[in-house]
Amino acid sequence: MTLRRLDDWRARLSAELDAQRRVPFTWGSHDCAVGFACRVVEAITGEDLAAPYRGQYDSPLGALRILRESGALTLGDFVAMHLPEINPAFARLGDLCLVPSTGPIGQGLGMVDATSLIVMTESGHGRLPRAAMIRAFRVGE
């Protein structure tokens, strides 16, 4: 499936980021994947990539089970099964990125912003420099 950016994606993305800015991290409902990254994708493209996974786990072990059952060894490999991978140097506003994490998965998803990355923290959104990006994924054409 090729995702396309909606005509009003910028306004939709801005509204989505405002709505979830201070929502705390919760496995399976508002973590870096189903709560943050997939809602970013849905705001930009209208496609809910998290529908099959939302509510299917509530712990890091459950998240790892989803990854393993899909055949992915890492979170980045799982995302690459759903979105085209691109060179991080070519990531643009709204694209997803993979960053190192001290959490149990060892990696986290973020979104490329104009000059930095937006990532999940325990209490909501945080920021990292673009240099923290280790992989990137195109969100819509």
Protein backbone atom coordinates (compact mmCIF):
# COMPACT_ATOMS: atom_id res chain seq x y z
CA MET A 1 0.00 0.00 0.00
CA THR A 2 1.35 3.42 -0.95
CA LEU A 3 0.38 6.09 1.53
CA ARG A 4 -0.40 9.59 0.30
CA ARG A 5 -0.28 12.78 2.31
CA LEU A 6 -3.69 14.42 2.55
CA ASP A 7 -4.10 17.96 1.25
CA ASP A 8 -4.64 19.31 4.79
CA TRP A 9 -1.98 17.12 6.45
CA ARG A 10 -0.14 20.02 8.08
CA ALA A 11 -3.24 21.23 9.95
CA ARG A 12 -4.20 17.65 10.86
CA LEU A 13 -0.67 16.93 12.13
CA SER A 14 -0.57 20.12 14.19
CA ALA A 15 -3.93 19.27 15.80
CA GLU A 16 -2.79 15.70 16.56
CA LEU A 17 0.47 16.85 18.15
CA ASP A 18 -1.39 19.42 20.26
CA ALA A 19 -3.90 16.76 21.41
CA GLN A 20 -1.25 14.32 22.58
CA ARG A 21 1.54 16.69 23.68
CA ARG A 22 1.19 15.94 27.42
CA VAL A 23 -0.33 12.45 27.31
CA PRO A 24 1.89 10.16 29.39
CA PHE A 25 3.51 7.02 28.02
CA THR A 26 1.35 3.89 28.37
CA TRP A 27 2.28 0.55 26.77
CA GLY A 28 -0.16 -0.54 24.06
CA SER A 29 -2.24 2.63 23.95
CA HIS A 30 0.07 5.65 24.04
CA ASP A 31 3.60 4.40 23.55
CA CYS A 32 6.04 5.55 20.89
CA ALA A 33 4.50 3.24 18.27
CA VAL A 34 0.70 2.93 18.51
CA GLY A 35 0.05 6.10 20.48
CA PHE A 36 2.52 8.49 18.92
CA ALA A 37 3.96 7.35 15.58
CA CYS A 38 0.85 5.65 14.21
CA ARG A 39 -1.33 8.60 15.15
CA VAL A 40 1.13 10.86 13.32
CA VAL A 41 0.81 8.61 10.25
CA GLU A 42 -2.98 8.67 10.53
CA ALA A 43 -3.05 12.47 10.82
CA ILE A 44 -0.88 12.85 7.72
CA THR A 45 -2.37 10.09 5.53
CA GLY A 46 -5.72 9.09 7.04
CA GLU A 47 -4.50 5.47 7.40
CA ASP A 48 -4.52 3.78 10.84
CA LEU A 49 -1.55 1.42 10.74
CA ALA A 50 -1.95 0.60 14.44
CA ALA A 51 -5.47 -0.85 14.22
CA PRO A 52 -4.28 -4.49 14.32
CA TYR A 53 -1.97 -3.83 17.28
CA ARG A 54 -3.71 -1.27 19.49
CA GLY A 55 -4.83 -2.91 22.73
CA GLN A 56 -2.99 -6.14 21.92
CA TYR A 57 -0.28 -5.60 24.55
CA ASP A 58 0.22 -3.67 27.78
CA SER A 59 3.86 -4.27 28.62
CA PRO A 60 7.29 -4.26 27.00
CA LEU A 61 7.18 -8.07 26.84
CA GLY A 62 3.88 -7.87 24.99
CA ALA A 63 5.36 -5.37 22.54
CA LEU A 64 8.32 -7.68 21.95
CA ARG A 65 5.90 -10.57 21.34
CA ILE A 66 4.15 -8.52 18.61
CA LEU A 67 7.53 -7.75 17.00
CA ARG A 68 8.67 -11.40 17.09
CA GLU A 69 5.34 -12.75 15.80
CA SER A 70 5.62 -10.41 12.82
CA GLY A 71 9.09 -11.74 12.03
CA ALA A 72 10.91 -8.54 13.05
CA LEU A 73 13.96 -8.64 15.29
CA THR A 74 13.83 -4.92 16.15
CA LEU A 75 11.34 -2.07 16.26
CA GLY A 76 13.08 -0.51 13.26
CA ASP A 77 12.71 -3.73 11.26
CA PHE A 78 9.01 -3.81 12.16
CA VAL A 79 8.47 -0.25 10.93
CA ALA A 80 10.36 -1.05 7.71
CA MET A 81 7.75 -3.75 7.05
CA HIS A 82 5.07 -1.02 6.92
CA LEU A 83 6.79 2.14 5.65
CA PRO A 84 9.56 2.72 3.10
CA GLU A 85 12.94 3.27 4.72
CA ILE A 86 14.89 6.34 3.63
CA ASN A 87 18.29 7.81 4.38
CA PRO A 88 17.96 9.93 7.55
CA ALA A 89 19.54 12.85 5.67
CA PHE A 90 16.42 12.97 3.46
CA ALA A 91 13.84 12.79 6.27
CA ARG A 92 11.31 15.61 6.11
CA LEU A 93 8.66 17.04 8.38
CA GLY A 94 6.27 14.27 9.44
CA ASP A 95 8.49 11.33 8.55
CA LEU A 96 9.15 8.80 11.32
CA CYS A 97 12.54 8.13 12.80
CA LEU A 98 14.16 5.53 14.99
CA VAL A 99 16.26 6.65 17.94
CA PRO A 100 18.21 4.71 20.57
CA SER A 101 16.31 4.21 23.81
CA THR A 102 17.27 3.13 27.30
CA GLY A 103 13.90 1.38 27.59
CA PRO A 104 13.37 -2.38 27.31
CA ILE A 105 12.97 -2.36 23.51
CA GLY A 106 16.27 -0.50 23.05
CA GLN A 107 14.82 1.71 20.32
CA GLY A 108 12.06 4.28 20.13
CA LEU A 109 10.07 5.98 17.41
CA GLY A 110 9.92 9.69 16.90
CA MET A 111 8.83 12.18 14.27
CA VAL A 112 11.02 14.48 12.25
CA ASP A 113 10.22 18.13 12.91
CA ALA A 114 11.69 21.18 11.20
CA THR A 115 14.95 21.29 13.17
CA SER A 116 14.74 18.42 15.65
CA LEU A 117 12.92 15.18 16.50
CA ILE A 118 9.77 14.86 18.58
CA VAL A 119 9.84 11.75 20.78
CA MET A 120 7.79 10.20 23.58
CA THR A 121 8.83 10.57 27.20
CA GLU A 122 7.20 9.26 30.36
CA SER A 123 5.20 12.50 30.64
CA GLY A 124 4.51 13.38 27.00
CA HIS A 125 6.51 14.79 24.12
CA GLY A 126 10.19 15.57 24.28
CA ARG A 127 12.82 16.64 21.78
CA LEU A 128 16.10 15.22 20.53
CA PRO A 129 18.54 16.61 17.98
CA ARG A 130 18.28 15.29 14.43
CA ALA A 131 21.69 13.70 14.94
CA ALA A 132 20.04 11.16 17.29
CA MET A 133 18.16 9.61 14.33
CA ILE A 134 19.55 6.19 13.39
CA ARG A 135 16.92 5.19 10.78
CA ALA A 136 14.14 7.07 8.98
CA PHE A 137 10.88 6.09 7.29
CA ARG A 138 8.83 8.00 4.71
CA VAL A 139 5.28 8.88 5.70
CA GLY A 140 3.25 9.43 2.55
CA GLU A 141 4.16 10.63 -0.90
